[in-house]
C-alpha atoms as a PDB file:
ATOM      1  CA  MET A   1    -118.639 -71.300-142.785  1.00  0.00           C
ATOM      2  CA  SER A   2    -121.989 -71.606-144.470  1.00  0.00           C
ATOM      3  CA  ILE A   3    -125.209 -69.741-143.954  1.00  0.00           C
ATOM      4  CA  ASP A   4    -128.636 -71.310-143.781  1.00  0.00           C
ATOM      5  CA  ASN A   5    -131.920 -69.465-144.078  1.00  0.00           C
ATOM      6  CA  LYS A   6    -134.973 -69.854-141.892  1.00  0.00           C
ATOM      7  CA  LYS A   7    -138.433 -68.830-143.074  1.00  0.00           C
ATOM      8  CA  LEU A   8    -140.161 -66.826-140.374  1.00  0.00           C
ATOM      9  CA  LYS A   9    -143.674 -67.756-139.259  1.00  0.00           C
ATOM     10  CA  VAL A  10    -145.031 -64.234-139.758  1.00  0.00           C
ATOM     11  CA  CYS A  11    -145.874 -63.448-143.372  1.00  0.00           C
ATOM     12  CA  PRO A  12    -145.345 -60.041-144.927  1.00  0.00           C
ATOM     13  CA  ARG A  13    -148.484 -58.509-146.416  1.00  0.00           C
ATOM     14  CA  ILE A  14    -148.267 -56.701-149.746  1.00  0.00           C
ATOM     15  CA  THR A  15    -149.589 -53.206-149.083  1.00  0.00           C
ATOM     16  CA  ASP A  16    -149.168 -51.503-152.441  1.00  0.00           C
ATOM     17  CA  THR A  17    -148.354 -52.161-156.070  1.00  0.00           C
ATOM     18  CA  SER A  18    -147.854 -49.505-158.698  1.00  0.00           C
ATOM     19  CA  VAL A  19    -146.513 -49.058-162.208  1.00  0.00           C
ATOM     20  CA  THR A  20    -143.586 -46.684-162.661  1.00  0.00           C
ATOM     21  CA  ASP A  21    -143.155 -44.250-165.559  1.00  0.00           C
ATOM     22  CA  LYS A  22    -140.879 -46.858-167.171  1.00  0.00           C
ATOM     23  CA  GLY A  23    -143.555 -49.568-166.985  1.00  0.00           C
ATOM     24  CA  GLU A  24    -141.881 -51.397-164.093  1.00  0.00           C
ATOM     25  CA  ILE A  25    -143.933 -52.844-161.222  1.00  0.00           C
ATOM     26  CA  ARG A  26    -143.138 -51.561-157.730  1.00  0.00           C
ATOM     27  CA  ILE A  27    -144.237 -53.717-154.789  1.00  0.00           C
ATOM     28  CA  GLN A  28    -144.320 -52.683-151.126  1.00  0.00           C
ATOM     29  CA  TRP A  29    -145.054 -54.896-148.109  1.00  0.00           C
ATOM     30  CA  THR A  30    -145.187 -54.849-144.327  1.00  0.00           C
ATOM     31  CA  GLN A  31    -142.038 -55.301-142.307  1.00  0.00           C
ATOM     32  CA  VAL A  32    -141.699 -58.560-140.378  1.00  0.00           C
ATOM     33  CA  PRO A  33    -139.961 -58.437-136.971  1.00  0.00           C
ATOM     34  CA  ASP A  34    -136.573 -60.242-137.027  1.00  0.00           C
ATOM     35  CA  ALA A  35    -136.559 -60.522-140.833  1.00  0.00           C
ATOM     36  CA  GLU A  36    -133.118 -59.914-142.304  1.00  0.00           C
ATOM     37  CA  LYS A  37    -134.208 -60.194-145.930  1.00  0.00           C
ATOM     38  CA  TYR A  38    -137.185 -61.022-148.118  1.00  0.00           C
ATOM     39  CA  ALA A  39    -137.398 -63.487-150.988  1.00  0.00           C
ATOM     40  CA  VAL A  40    -139.358 -61.886-153.836  1.00  0.00           C
ATOM     41  CA  SER A  41    -140.897 -64.369-156.293  1.00  0.00           C
ATOM     42  CA  ARG A  42    -143.346 -64.103-159.159  1.00  0.00           C
ATOM     43  CA  SER A  43    -145.589 -66.320-161.270  1.00  0.00           C
ATOM     44  CA  GLU A  44    -147.936 -65.811-164.187  1.00  0.00           C
ATOM     45  CA  ARG A  45    -150.521 -68.051-162.455  1.00  0.00           C
ATOM     46  CA  VAL A  46    -151.786 -67.875-158.890  1.00  0.00           C
ATOM     47  CA  ASP A  47    -151.234 -71.629-158.482  1.00  0.00           C
ATOM     48  CA  GLY A  48    -148.165 -71.790-160.724  1.00  0.00           C
ATOM     49  CA  ASP A  49    -144.489 -72.212-160.047  1.00  0.00           C
ATOM     50  CA  TYR A  50    -142.971 -69.076-158.578  1.00  0.00           C
ATOM     51  CA  GLU A  51    -139.595 -67.880-159.861  1.00  0.00           C
ATOM     52  CA  ARG A  52    -137.356 -66.064-157.382  1.00  0.00           C
ATOM     53  CA  LEU A  53    -136.573 -62.600-158.710  1.00  0.00           C
ATOM     54  CA  ALA A  54    -134.445 -61.199-155.903  1.00  0.00           C
ATOM     55  CA  TRP A  55    -133.472 -60.971-152.270  1.00  0.00           C
ATOM     56  CA  ALA A  56    -134.597 -57.619-150.849  1.00  0.00           C
ATOM     57  CA  LYS A  57    -133.302 -56.095-147.620  1.00  0.00           C
ATOM     58  CA  LYS A  58    -135.952 -53.372-147.586  1.00  0.00           C
ATOM     59  CA  THR A  59    -139.745 -53.675-147.737  1.00  0.00           C
ATOM     60  CA  ASP A  60    -140.047 -52.775-151.390  1.00  0.00           C
ATOM     61  CA  TYR A  61    -138.893 -54.097-154.739  1.00  0.00           C
ATOM     62  CA  THR A  62    -139.184 -52.888-158.337  1.00  0.00           C
ATOM     63  CA  ASP A  63    -139.686 -55.594-160.954  1.00  0.00           C
ATOM     64  CA  LYS A  64    -137.786 -54.253-163.945  1.00  0.00           C
ATOM     65  CA  THR A  65    -138.421 -57.370-166.059  1.00  0.00           C
ATOM     66  CA  ALA A  66    -142.237 -57.185-166.058  1.00  0.00           C
ATOM     67  CA  GLN A  67    -143.836 -57.269-169.495  1.00  0.00           C
ATOM     68  CA  GLU A  68    -146.840 -55.236-170.646  1.00  0.00           C
ATOM     69  CA  ASN A  69    -150.240 -56.978-170.787  1.00  0.00           C
ATOM     70  CA  VAL A  70    -149.121 -59.857-168.539  1.00  0.00           C
ATOM     71  CA  THR A  71    -150.737 -60.543-165.167  1.00  0.00           C
ATOM     72  CA  TYR A  72    -148.247 -61.404-162.429  1.00  0.00           C
ATOM     73  CA  TRP A  73    -148.698 -62.894-158.970  1.00  0.00           C
ATOM     74  CA  TYR A  74    -146.048 -61.997-156.402  1.00  0.00           C
ATOM     75  CA  ARG A  75    -145.030 -63.810-153.238  1.00  0.00           C
ATOM     76  CA  ILE A  76    -142.865 -62.336-150.488  1.00  0.00           C
ATOM     77  CA  ILE A  77    -141.239 -64.577-147.864  1.00  0.00           C
ATOM     78  CA  ALA A  78    -139.521 -63.159-144.770  1.00  0.00           C
ATOM     79  CA  VAL A  79    -136.216 -64.844-143.982  1.00  0.00           C
ATOM     80  CA  LYS A  80    -133.711 -64.751-141.146  1.00  0.00           C
ATOM     81  CA  ALA A  81    -130.167 -65.919-141.890  1.00  0.00           C
ATOM     82  CA  LEU A  82    -128.705 -68.433-139.481  1.00  0.00           C
ATOM     83  CA  GLU A  83    -124.960 -68.933-139.431  1.00  0.00           C
ATOM     84  CA  ASN A  84    -123.559 -72.412-138.981  1.00  0.00           C
ATOM     85  CA  LYS A  85    -120.560 -72.688-136.737  1.00  0.00           C
ATOM     86  CA  LYS A  86    -117.311 -73.599-138.386  1.00  0.00           C
ATOM     87  CA  THR A  87    -116.444 -77.189-137.549  1.00  0.00           C
ATOM     88  CA  SER A  88    -112.955 -78.511-137.256  1.00  0.00           C
ATOM     89  CA  LYS A  89    -111.918 -81.713-138.984  1.00  0.00           C
ATOM     90  CA  LYS A  90    -110.002 -84.420-137.167  1.00  0.00           C
END
Protein backbone atom coordinates (compact mmCIF):
# COMPACT_ATOMS: atom_id res chain seq x y z
CA MET A 1 0.00 0.00 0.00
CA SER A 2 1.24 3.47 -0.76
CA ILE A 3 0.00 6.85 0.33
CA ASP A 4 -0.39 9.85 -1.92
CA ASN A 5 -0.84 13.42 -0.75
CA LYS A 6 -3.34 15.95 -2.03
CA LYS A 7 -2.81 19.69 -1.59
CA LEU A 8 -6.00 21.28 -0.33
CA LYS A 9 -7.43 24.33 -2.09
CA VAL A 10 -7.68 26.37 1.12
CA CYS A 11 -4.38 27.93 2.16
CA PRO A 12 -3.32 28.29 5.78
CA ARG A 13 -2.53 31.85 6.81
CA ILE A 14 0.48 32.52 9.03
CA THR A 15 -0.90 34.33 12.07
CA ASP A 16 2.18 34.78 14.24
CA THR A 17 5.94 34.47 14.22
CA SER A 18 8.17 34.90 17.23
CA VAL A 19 11.72 34.26 18.38
CA THR A 20 12.19 31.93 21.34
CA ASP A 21 14.71 32.43 24.16
CA LYS A 22 17.00 30.01 22.29
CA GLY A 23 16.87 32.09 19.09
CA GLU A 24 14.56 29.65 17.29
CA ILE A 25 11.69 30.91 15.11
CA ARG A 26 8.19 29.80 16.07
CA ILE A 27 5.50 29.99 13.39
CA GLN A 28 1.74 29.65 13.91
CA TRP A 29 -0.97 29.46 11.23
CA THR A 30 -4.69 28.98 10.77
CA GLN A 31 -6.17 25.51 10.72
CA VAL A 32 -7.50 24.27 7.38
CA PRO A 33 -10.61 22.05 7.42
CA ASP A 34 -9.81 18.45 6.37
CA ALA A 35 -6.04 19.01 6.58
CA GLU A 36 -4.23 16.02 8.05
CA LYS A 37 -0.79 17.63 8.02
CA TYR A 38 1.07 20.72 6.88
CA ALA A 39 4.24 20.96 4.81
CA VAL A 40 6.50 23.62 6.32
CA SER A 41 9.09 25.06 3.91
CA ARG A 42 11.51 27.96 4.03
CA SER A 43 13.61 30.08 1.69
CA GLU A 44 16.07 32.92 2.08
CA ARG A 45 14.37 34.74 -0.84
CA VAL A 46 10.68 35.41 -1.38
CA ASP A 47 10.94 34.13 -4.96
CA GLY A 48 13.58 31.49 -4.21
CA ASP A 49 13.49 27.74 -3.96
CA TYR A 50 11.77 26.59 -0.79
CA GLU A 51 13.30 23.75 1.22
CA ARG A 52 10.90 21.50 3.12
CA LEU A 53 11.77 21.59 6.81
CA ALA A 54 9.09 19.32 8.25
CA TRP A 55 5.64 17.82 8.21
CA ALA A 56 3.57 19.28 11.06
CA LYS A 57 0.35 17.77 12.39
CA LYS A 58 -0.47 20.83 14.49
CA THR A 59 -0.79 24.48 13.45
CA ASP A 60 2.60 25.53 14.72
CA TYR A 61 6.24 24.73 14.10
CA THR A 62 9.53 25.82 15.67
CA ASP A 63 12.44 26.25 13.27
CA LYS A 64 15.42 25.14 15.33
CA THR A 65 17.89 25.54 12.44
CA ALA A 66 17.33 29.27 11.85
CA GLN A 67 20.49 31.37 11.87
CA GLU A 68 20.89 34.85 13.38
CA ASN A 69 20.83 37.85 11.02
CA VAL A 70 19.23 35.87 8.17
CA THR A 71 15.82 36.76 6.75
CA TYR A 72 13.62 33.74 6.07
CA TRP A 73 10.40 33.33 4.10
CA TYR A 74 8.12 30.50 5.18
CA ARG A 75 5.44 28.67 3.23
CA ILE A 76 2.82 26.38 4.75
CA ILE A 77 0.82 23.97 2.58
CA ALA A 78 -2.19 22.05 3.91
CA VAL A 79 -2.24 18.41 2.85
CA LYS A 80 -4.69 15.53 3.09
CA ALA A 81 -3.29 12.01 2.77
CA LEU A 82 -5.06 9.74 0.32
CA GLU A 83 -4.52 6.01 0.59
CA ASN A 84 -4.22 3.94 -2.56
CA LYS A 85 -5.96 0.61 -2.50
CA LYS A 86 -3.76 -2.43 -2.52
CA THR A 87 -3.90 -4.06 -5.93
CA SER A 88 -3.51 -7.73 -6.54
CA LYS A 89 -1.18 -9.03 -9.22
CA LYS A 90 -2.27 -11.68 -11.69
